[in-house]
């Protein structure tokens, strides 16, 4: 029988989530294997877990969006490299945010990796989180969540557009 475009999209989303969660869990086990209980005793661990989980969801939603376009695998690889490396350089992953210029930081505010790095910097800066630091962290992870939802919605629009043949 025929499968609706919505059903296919939902199955693809769930497939991306299952694979992404598996990779996220593997990445969580690495620090535990390397550092043992020291890693588990970190008072900021719940915040780190939340931040990495949401960045994983954002990454999955970006991957889902890119995969919704009917383009060749070689082109997808190029697009993914440009997007991931571009965000990493402009958002403070490879270069400290202190070194980045004001213009680059303004542009970076519109990218999800900036908010991931902002939360990480706050967590690294404080041994005990103040109320304002917690608010900044929740703001950063909330913005990441919004990015994830927006990318999924864009993908669903693209899929709907492609399925109607317009």
N, C-alpha and C. Protein backbone atom coordinates (compact mmCIF):
# COMPACT_ATOMS: atom_id res chain seq x y z
N UNK A 1 0.84 -1.18 0.00
CA UNK A 1 0.00 0.00 0.00
C UNK A 1 0.88 1.24 0.00
N UNK A 2 0.29 2.33 -0.34
CA UNK A 2 1.00 3.60 -0.43
C UNK A 2 1.29 4.16 0.96
N UNK A 3 2.47 4.70 1.13
CA UNK A 3 2.85 5.33 2.40
C UNK A 3 2.82 6.83 2.19
N UNK A 4 2.19 7.54 3.10
CA UNK A 4 2.06 8.98 2.96
C UNK A 4 3.42 9.66 3.18
N UNK A 5 3.54 10.85 2.62
CA UNK A 5 4.78 11.63 2.77
C UNK A 5 5.02 11.96 4.24
N UNK A 6 3.96 12.22 4.97
CA UNK A 6 4.09 12.51 6.40
C UNK A 6 4.65 11.32 7.16
N UNK A 7 4.17 10.12 6.82
CA UNK A 7 4.66 8.91 7.47
C UNK A 7 6.13 8.69 7.16
N UNK A 8 6.51 8.91 5.93
CA UNK A 8 7.92 8.76 5.54
C UNK A 8 8.78 9.76 6.30
N UNK A 9 8.33 11.01 6.39
CA UNK A 9 9.08 12.03 7.12
C UNK A 9 9.22 11.67 8.59
N UNK A 10 8.16 11.20 9.20
CA UNK A 10 8.21 10.80 10.61
C UNK A 10 9.18 9.63 10.81
N UNK A 11 9.16 8.68 9.90
CA UNK A 11 10.08 7.55 10.01
C UNK A 11 11.52 7.99 9.84
N UNK A 12 11.76 8.92 8.92
CA UNK A 12 13.11 9.45 8.74
C UNK A 12 13.58 10.22 9.97
N UNK A 13 12.69 11.02 10.55
CA UNK A 13 13.03 11.76 11.77
C UNK A 13 13.39 10.78 12.89
N UNK A 14 12.57 9.76 13.07
CA UNK A 14 12.85 8.78 14.12
C UNK A 14 14.15 8.03 13.86
N UNK A 15 14.43 7.72 12.61
CA UNK A 15 15.68 7.05 12.26
C UNK A 15 16.88 7.93 12.58
N UNK A 16 16.79 9.21 12.24
CA UNK A 16 17.87 10.14 12.56
C UNK A 16 18.06 10.22 14.08
N UNK A 17 16.96 10.28 14.82
CA UNK A 17 17.04 10.39 16.28
C UNK A 17 17.67 9.15 16.89
N UNK A 18 17.27 7.97 16.44
CA UNK A 18 17.83 6.74 17.00
C UNK A 18 19.33 6.66 16.76
N UNK A 19 19.76 6.93 15.55
CA UNK A 19 21.20 6.89 15.25
C UNK A 19 21.93 7.98 16.02
N UNK A 20 21.37 9.18 16.06
CA UNK A 20 21.99 10.28 16.79
C UNK A 20 22.12 10.00 18.27
N UNK A 21 21.08 9.43 18.86
CA UNK A 21 21.14 9.10 20.29
C UNK A 21 22.17 8.02 20.57
N UNK A 22 22.29 7.07 19.66
CA UNK A 22 23.31 6.03 19.82
C UNK A 22 24.71 6.63 19.81
N UNK A 23 24.96 7.53 18.87
CA UNK A 23 26.26 8.19 18.80
C UNK A 23 26.48 9.08 20.02
N UNK A 24 25.44 9.78 20.47
CA UNK A 24 25.54 10.63 21.66
C UNK A 24 25.91 9.81 22.89
N UNK A 25 25.28 8.66 23.04
CA UNK A 25 25.57 7.79 24.19
C UNK A 25 27.01 7.27 24.12
N UNK A 26 27.45 6.90 22.94
CA UNK A 26 28.85 6.45 22.80
C UNK A 26 29.80 7.58 23.18
N UNK A 27 29.50 8.78 22.74
CA UNK A 27 30.35 9.93 23.08
C UNK A 27 30.31 10.24 24.57
N UNK A 28 29.20 9.95 25.24
CA UNK A 28 29.12 10.15 26.69
C UNK A 28 29.94 9.10 27.44
N UNK A 29 30.03 7.92 26.89
CA UNK A 29 30.78 6.85 27.55
C UNK A 29 32.29 7.06 27.48
N UNK A 30 32.76 7.79 26.49
CA UNK A 30 34.20 8.01 26.34
C UNK A 30 34.81 8.74 27.54
N UNK A 31 34.26 9.88 27.98
CA UNK A 31 34.86 10.54 29.15
C UNK A 31 34.77 9.68 30.42
N UNK A 32 33.71 8.90 30.53
CA UNK A 32 33.58 8.02 31.69
C UNK A 32 34.68 6.97 31.66
N UNK A 33 34.96 6.44 30.47
CA UNK A 33 36.03 5.45 30.35
C UNK A 33 37.40 6.07 30.62
N UNK A 34 37.58 7.32 30.21
CA UNK A 34 38.88 7.97 30.39
C UNK A 34 39.09 8.52 31.79
N UNK A 35 38.05 9.12 32.37
CA UNK A 35 38.21 9.81 33.64
C UNK A 35 37.48 9.16 34.82
N UNK A 36 36.65 8.19 34.53
CA UNK A 36 35.96 7.47 35.60
C UNK A 36 35.02 8.33 36.41
N UNK A 37 35.06 8.13 37.72
CA UNK A 37 34.11 8.81 38.60
C UNK A 37 34.33 10.31 38.68
N UNK A 38 35.54 10.76 38.36
CA UNK A 38 35.81 12.19 38.37
C UNK A 38 34.85 12.92 37.43
N UNK A 39 34.59 12.31 36.29
CA UNK A 39 33.67 12.88 35.32
C UNK A 39 32.24 12.87 35.87
N UNK A 40 31.86 11.80 36.53
CA UNK A 40 30.50 11.65 37.03
C UNK A 40 30.23 12.54 38.25
N UNK A 41 31.29 12.97 38.94
CA UNK A 41 31.12 13.81 40.12
C UNK A 41 31.10 15.30 39.81
N UNK A 42 31.22 15.67 38.55
CA UNK A 42 31.20 17.07 38.17
C UNK A 42 29.82 17.66 38.49
N UNK A 43 29.76 18.76 39.25
CA UNK A 43 28.45 19.33 39.61
C UNK A 43 27.70 19.90 38.40
N UNK A 44 28.43 20.18 37.33
CA UNK A 44 27.79 20.73 36.12
C UNK A 44 27.37 19.64 35.13
N UNK A 45 27.55 18.39 35.49
CA UNK A 45 27.26 17.29 34.56
C UNK A 45 25.87 17.37 33.94
N UNK A 46 24.80 17.62 34.72
CA UNK A 46 23.47 17.71 34.07
C UNK A 46 23.39 18.79 32.99
N UNK A 47 24.07 19.91 33.24
CA UNK A 47 24.07 21.00 32.25
C UNK A 47 24.85 20.62 31.00
N UNK A 48 25.99 19.97 31.21
CA UNK A 48 26.77 19.49 30.06
C UNK A 48 25.97 18.48 29.25
N UNK A 49 25.29 17.57 29.94
CA UNK A 49 24.49 16.56 29.24
C UNK A 49 23.37 17.22 28.44
N UNK A 50 22.69 18.17 29.06
CA UNK A 50 21.61 18.87 28.36
C UNK A 50 22.15 19.62 27.14
N UNK A 51 23.26 20.31 27.33
CA UNK A 51 23.85 21.09 26.23
C UNK A 51 24.27 20.18 25.08
N UNK A 52 24.95 19.08 25.38
CA UNK A 52 25.39 18.18 24.31
C UNK A 52 24.20 17.49 23.65
N UNK A 53 23.19 17.15 24.44
CA UNK A 53 22.00 16.51 23.87
C UNK A 53 21.31 17.44 22.89
N UNK A 54 21.14 18.70 23.28
CA UNK A 54 20.47 19.64 22.37
C UNK A 54 21.31 19.93 21.13
N UNK A 55 22.64 19.99 21.30
CA UNK A 55 23.48 20.19 20.11
C UNK A 55 23.39 18.98 19.19
N UNK A 56 23.25 17.80 19.77
CA UNK A 56 23.04 16.60 18.96
C UNK A 56 21.73 16.70 18.18
N UNK A 57 20.68 17.15 18.85
CA UNK A 57 19.39 17.30 18.16
C UNK A 57 19.47 18.35 17.06
N UNK A 58 20.17 19.44 17.31
CA UNK A 58 20.33 20.47 16.28
C UNK A 58 21.10 19.91 15.09
N UNK A 59 22.17 19.18 15.38
CA UNK A 59 22.97 18.56 14.30
C UNK A 59 22.12 17.59 13.49
N UNK A 60 21.31 16.81 14.18
CA UNK A 60 20.43 15.88 13.49
C UNK A 60 19.42 16.60 12.61
N UNK A 61 18.88 17.70 13.13
CA UNK A 61 17.89 18.44 12.34
C UNK A 61 18.53 19.08 11.11
N UNK A 62 19.77 19.54 11.24
CA UNK A 62 20.48 20.08 10.08
C UNK A 62 20.74 18.96 9.07
N UNK A 63 21.16 17.80 9.56
CA UNK A 63 21.39 16.66 8.67
C UNK A 63 20.11 16.25 7.97
N UNK A 64 19.01 16.27 8.71
CA UNK A 64 17.71 15.91 8.14
C UNK A 64 17.33 16.91 7.05
N UNK A 65 17.58 18.19 7.29
CA UNK A 65 17.26 19.21 6.30
C UNK A 65 18.11 19.02 5.03
N UNK A 66 19.40 18.82 5.21
CA UNK A 66 20.28 18.65 4.04
C UNK A 66 19.89 17.40 3.26
N UNK A 67 19.55 16.34 3.97
CA UNK A 67 19.21 15.09 3.28
C UNK A 67 17.87 15.15 2.56
N UNK A 68 17.07 16.18 2.84
CA UNK A 68 15.77 16.27 2.18
C UNK A 68 15.87 16.81 0.76
N UNK A 69 17.03 17.34 0.41
CA UNK A 69 17.22 17.85 -0.95
C UNK A 69 17.74 16.74 -1.86
N UNK A 70 17.19 16.66 -3.07
CA UNK A 70 17.62 15.59 -4.00
C UNK A 70 18.92 15.94 -4.72
N UNK A 71 20.04 15.81 -4.01
CA UNK A 71 21.32 16.14 -4.60
C UNK A 71 22.28 14.96 -4.42
N UNK A 72 23.36 14.98 -5.19
CA UNK A 72 24.33 13.89 -5.17
C UNK A 72 25.09 13.84 -3.85
N UNK A 73 25.55 12.65 -3.52
CA UNK A 73 26.26 12.44 -2.25
C UNK A 73 27.52 13.29 -2.16
N UNK A 74 28.24 13.44 -3.26
CA UNK A 74 29.45 14.25 -3.25
C UNK A 74 29.14 15.70 -2.91
N UNK A 75 28.05 16.19 -3.42
CA UNK A 75 27.64 17.57 -3.15
C UNK A 75 27.21 17.70 -1.69
N UNK A 76 26.50 16.70 -1.18
CA UNK A 76 26.09 16.72 0.23
C UNK A 76 27.32 16.77 1.14
N UNK A 77 28.34 15.97 0.82
CA UNK A 77 29.57 15.99 1.62
C UNK A 77 30.19 17.38 1.64
N UNK A 78 30.23 18.04 0.50
CA UNK A 78 30.77 19.39 0.43
C UNK A 78 29.95 20.38 1.24
N UNK A 79 28.63 20.28 1.13
CA UNK A 79 27.75 21.18 1.88
C UNK A 79 27.93 20.98 3.38
N UNK A 80 27.99 19.74 3.81
CA UNK A 80 28.15 19.43 5.23
C UNK A 80 29.48 19.97 5.74
N UNK A 81 30.55 19.79 4.96
CA UNK A 81 31.86 20.30 5.38
C UNK A 81 31.85 21.82 5.52
N UNK A 82 31.26 22.50 4.55
CA UNK A 82 31.21 23.96 4.60
C UNK A 82 30.39 24.42 5.81
N UNK A 83 29.25 23.80 6.03
CA UNK A 83 28.40 24.22 7.14
C UNK A 83 29.07 23.93 8.49
N UNK A 84 29.57 22.71 8.67
CA UNK A 84 30.15 22.36 9.97
C UNK A 84 31.43 23.14 10.25
N UNK A 85 32.33 23.22 9.29
CA UNK A 85 33.57 23.95 9.51
C UNK A 85 33.32 25.45 9.62
N UNK A 86 32.40 25.95 8.80
CA UNK A 86 32.06 27.38 8.87
C UNK A 86 31.51 27.77 10.22
N UNK A 87 30.57 26.97 10.73
CA UNK A 87 30.03 27.27 12.06
C UNK A 87 31.10 27.10 13.14
N UNK A 88 31.96 26.12 13.00
CA UNK A 88 33.00 25.90 14.01
C UNK A 88 33.97 27.06 14.08
N UNK A 89 34.36 27.59 12.93
CA UNK A 89 35.30 28.72 12.93
C UNK A 89 34.64 30.01 13.41
N UNK A 90 33.40 30.26 12.98
CA UNK A 90 32.76 31.54 13.34
C UNK A 90 32.15 31.55 14.73
N UNK A 91 31.99 30.39 15.34
CA UNK A 91 31.29 30.32 16.63
C UNK A 91 32.19 30.00 17.81
N UNK A 92 33.48 29.92 17.61
CA UNK A 92 34.38 29.76 18.73
C UNK A 92 34.76 28.34 19.09
N UNK A 93 34.57 27.39 18.19
CA UNK A 93 34.98 26.01 18.47
C UNK A 93 36.48 25.87 18.28
N UNK A 94 36.99 26.34 17.15
CA UNK A 94 38.41 26.21 16.84
C UNK A 94 39.22 27.38 17.38
N UNK A 95 38.60 28.52 17.47
CA UNK A 95 39.26 29.73 17.95
C UNK A 95 38.44 30.27 19.11
N UNK A 96 39.11 30.69 20.17
CA UNK A 96 38.41 31.22 21.34
C UNK A 96 37.52 32.40 20.94
N UNK A 97 36.37 32.50 21.58
CA UNK A 97 35.45 33.59 21.28
C UNK A 97 36.05 34.95 21.64
N UNK A 98 37.01 34.97 22.55
CA UNK A 98 37.68 36.22 22.92
C UNK A 98 38.46 36.80 21.76
N UNK A 99 38.95 35.94 20.89
CA UNK A 99 39.77 36.38 19.76
C UNK A 99 38.90 36.85 18.60
N UNK A 100 37.69 36.33 18.50
CA UNK A 100 36.81 36.67 17.38
C UNK A 100 36.44 38.15 17.41
N UNK A 101 36.34 38.76 16.25
CA UNK A 101 35.96 40.16 16.14
C UNK A 101 34.48 40.37 16.45
N UNK A 102 34.12 41.60 16.69
CA UNK A 102 32.74 41.94 17.04
C UNK A 102 31.77 41.59 15.91
N UNK A 103 32.18 41.83 14.67
CA UNK A 103 31.32 41.51 13.53
C UNK A 103 31.06 40.02 13.40
N UNK A 104 32.12 39.23 13.61
CA UNK A 104 31.97 37.77 13.54
C UNK A 104 31.05 37.28 14.65
N UNK A 105 31.20 37.86 15.84
CA UNK A 105 30.34 37.46 16.97
C UNK A 105 28.88 37.79 16.69
N UNK A 106 28.63 38.94 16.05
CA UNK A 106 27.24 39.31 15.73
C UNK A 106 26.63 38.31 14.75
N UNK A 107 27.42 37.89 13.77
CA UNK A 107 26.95 36.89 12.81
C UNK A 107 26.74 35.54 13.50
N UNK A 108 27.68 35.21 14.40
CA UNK A 108 27.63 33.91 15.10
C UNK A 108 26.38 33.77 15.95
N UNK A 109 25.81 34.89 16.42
CA UNK A 109 24.58 34.83 17.22
C UNK A 109 23.44 34.14 16.48
N UNK A 110 23.52 34.12 15.16
CA UNK A 110 22.47 33.51 14.35
C UNK A 110 22.76 32.05 14.01
N UNK A 111 23.72 31.46 14.70
CA UNK A 111 24.09 30.06 14.46
C UNK A 111 23.99 29.27 15.76
N UNK A 112 23.53 28.03 15.68
CA UNK A 112 23.32 27.24 16.91
C UNK A 112 24.60 26.89 17.67
N UNK A 113 25.71 26.74 16.97
CA UNK A 113 26.95 26.35 17.63
C UNK A 113 27.44 27.46 18.57
N UNK A 114 27.14 28.71 18.24
CA UNK A 114 27.50 29.82 19.12
C UNK A 114 26.87 29.64 20.49
N UNK A 115 25.62 29.23 20.52
CA UNK A 115 24.91 29.09 21.79
C UNK A 115 25.40 27.86 22.55
N UNK A 116 25.80 26.84 21.84
CA UNK A 116 26.41 25.67 22.46
C UNK A 116 27.72 26.07 23.14
N UNK A 117 28.54 26.80 22.43
CA UNK A 117 29.82 27.25 22.97
C UNK A 117 29.63 28.24 24.11
N UNK A 118 28.62 29.09 24.02
CA UNK A 118 28.34 30.04 25.09
C UNK A 118 28.02 29.30 26.39
N UNK A 119 27.18 28.28 26.31
CA UNK A 119 26.84 27.49 27.49
C UNK A 119 28.08 26.78 28.04
N UNK A 120 28.91 26.24 27.17
CA UNK A 120 30.14 25.57 27.61
C UNK A 120 31.09 26.54 28.31
N UNK A 121 31.20 27.75 27.77
CA UNK A 121 32.09 28.74 28.40
C UNK A 121 31.58 29.14 29.78
N UNK A 122 30.29 29.30 29.92
CA UNK A 122 29.72 29.64 31.23
C UNK A 122 29.97 28.51 32.21
N UNK A 123 29.76 27.27 31.78
CA UNK A 123 29.98 26.13 32.66
C UNK A 123 31.44 26.00 33.06
N UNK A 124 32.35 26.33 32.15
CA UNK A 124 33.77 26.25 32.46
C UNK A 124 34.25 27.38 33.35
N UNK A 125 33.52 28.49 33.33
CA UNK A 125 33.93 29.67 34.07
C UNK A 125 33.57 29.60 35.56
N UNK A 126 32.46 28.98 35.88
CA UNK A 126 31.96 28.97 37.26
C UNK A 126 32.17 27.61 37.91
N UNK A 127 32.64 27.63 39.15
CA UNK A 127 32.68 26.38 39.91
C UNK A 127 31.33 26.13 40.56
N UNK A 128 30.66 27.21 40.97
CA UNK A 128 29.29 27.14 41.47
C UNK A 128 28.47 28.11 40.63
N UNK A 129 27.41 27.60 40.03
CA UNK A 129 26.60 28.43 39.14
C UNK A 129 25.72 29.39 39.92
N UNK A 130 25.79 30.66 39.55
CA UNK A 130 24.91 31.67 40.14
C UNK A 130 23.57 31.64 39.42
N UNK A 131 22.62 32.36 39.94
CA UNK A 131 21.31 32.42 39.30
C UNK A 131 21.37 32.99 37.90
N UNK A 132 22.18 34.06 37.72
CA UNK A 132 22.27 34.67 36.39
C UNK A 132 22.99 33.74 35.41
N UNK A 133 23.97 32.97 35.90
CA UNK A 133 24.67 32.02 35.02
C UNK A 133 23.71 30.92 34.58
N UNK A 134 22.87 30.45 35.50
CA UNK A 134 21.88 29.42 35.12
C UNK A 134 20.91 29.96 34.08
N UNK A 135 20.50 31.20 34.25
CA UNK A 135 19.58 31.81 33.28
C UNK A 135 20.24 31.89 31.91
N UNK A 136 21.52 32.27 31.87
CA UNK A 136 22.24 32.34 30.59
C UNK A 136 22.36 30.96 29.96
N UNK A 137 22.59 29.94 30.77
CA UNK A 137 22.69 28.58 30.24
C UNK A 137 21.35 28.14 29.68
N UNK A 138 20.28 28.38 30.45
CA UNK A 138 18.95 27.98 29.96
C UNK A 138 18.57 28.75 28.69
N UNK A 139 18.99 30.00 28.61
CA UNK A 139 18.75 30.77 27.39
C UNK A 139 19.49 30.14 26.21
N UNK A 140 20.74 29.77 26.43
CA UNK A 140 21.55 29.18 25.35
C UNK A 140 20.96 27.84 24.89
N UNK A 141 20.58 26.99 25.82
CA UNK A 141 20.02 25.69 25.41
C UNK A 141 18.63 25.87 24.82
N UNK A 142 17.88 26.85 25.30
CA UNK A 142 16.57 27.13 24.71
C UNK A 142 16.67 27.58 23.27
N UNK A 143 17.66 28.42 22.99
CA UNK A 143 17.86 28.89 21.62
C UNK A 143 18.29 27.72 20.73
N UNK A 144 19.11 26.82 21.26
CA UNK A 144 19.47 25.62 20.49
C UNK A 144 18.23 24.80 20.16
N UNK A 145 17.35 24.66 21.13
CA UNK A 145 16.11 23.90 20.92
C UNK A 145 15.27 24.56 19.82
N UNK A 146 15.19 25.87 19.85
CA UNK A 146 14.43 26.59 18.80
C UNK A 146 15.06 26.35 17.44
N UNK A 147 16.39 26.39 17.35
CA UNK A 147 17.06 26.09 16.08
C UNK A 147 16.68 24.70 15.59
N UNK A 148 16.71 23.72 16.47
CA UNK A 148 16.36 22.36 16.08
C UNK A 148 14.95 22.27 15.54
N UNK A 149 14.01 22.89 16.22
CA UNK A 149 12.61 22.87 15.79
C UNK A 149 12.45 23.57 14.45
N UNK A 150 13.13 24.70 14.27
CA UNK A 150 13.04 25.44 13.01
C UNK A 150 13.58 24.60 11.85
N UNK A 151 14.71 23.93 12.06
CA UNK A 151 15.28 23.11 10.99
C UNK A 151 14.36 21.94 10.64
N UNK A 152 13.74 21.33 11.64
CA UNK A 152 12.81 20.23 11.36
C UNK A 152 11.59 20.76 10.60
N UNK A 153 11.08 21.91 11.00
CA UNK A 153 9.93 22.49 10.31
C UNK A 153 10.29 22.84 8.86
N UNK A 154 11.48 23.39 8.66
CA UNK A 154 11.92 23.69 7.29
C UNK A 154 12.00 22.41 6.45
N UNK A 155 12.50 21.35 7.06
CA UNK A 155 12.59 20.07 6.35
C UNK A 155 11.22 19.57 5.98
N UNK A 156 10.27 19.66 6.89
CA UNK A 156 8.91 19.21 6.60
C UNK A 156 8.28 20.03 5.48
N UNK A 157 8.58 21.32 5.44
CA UNK A 157 8.08 22.18 4.35
C UNK A 157 8.70 21.74 3.02
N UNK A 158 10.01 21.49 3.03
CA UNK A 158 10.69 21.04 1.80
C UNK A 158 10.12 19.70 1.35
N UNK A 159 9.94 18.78 2.28
CA UNK A 159 9.38 17.47 1.94
C UNK A 159 7.95 17.60 1.39
N UNK A 160 7.16 18.45 1.99
CA UNK A 160 5.78 18.67 1.51
C UNK A 160 5.80 19.26 0.12
N UNK A 161 6.68 20.21 -0.09
CA UNK A 161 6.81 20.85 -1.39
C UNK A 161 7.21 19.84 -2.47
N UNK A 162 8.18 18.99 -2.11
CA UNK A 162 8.65 17.96 -3.06
C UNK A 162 7.57 16.92 -3.33
N UNK A 163 6.79 16.56 -2.32
CA UNK A 163 5.78 15.51 -2.51
C UNK A 163 4.60 15.99 -3.34
N UNK A 164 4.33 17.30 -3.32
CA UNK A 164 3.22 17.81 -4.13
C UNK A 164 3.66 18.06 -5.56
N UNK A 165 4.97 18.05 -5.81
CA UNK A 165 5.47 18.18 -7.18
C UNK A 165 5.45 19.59 -7.71
N UNK A 166 5.39 20.56 -6.84
CA UNK A 166 5.37 21.97 -7.29
C UNK A 166 6.75 22.53 -7.39
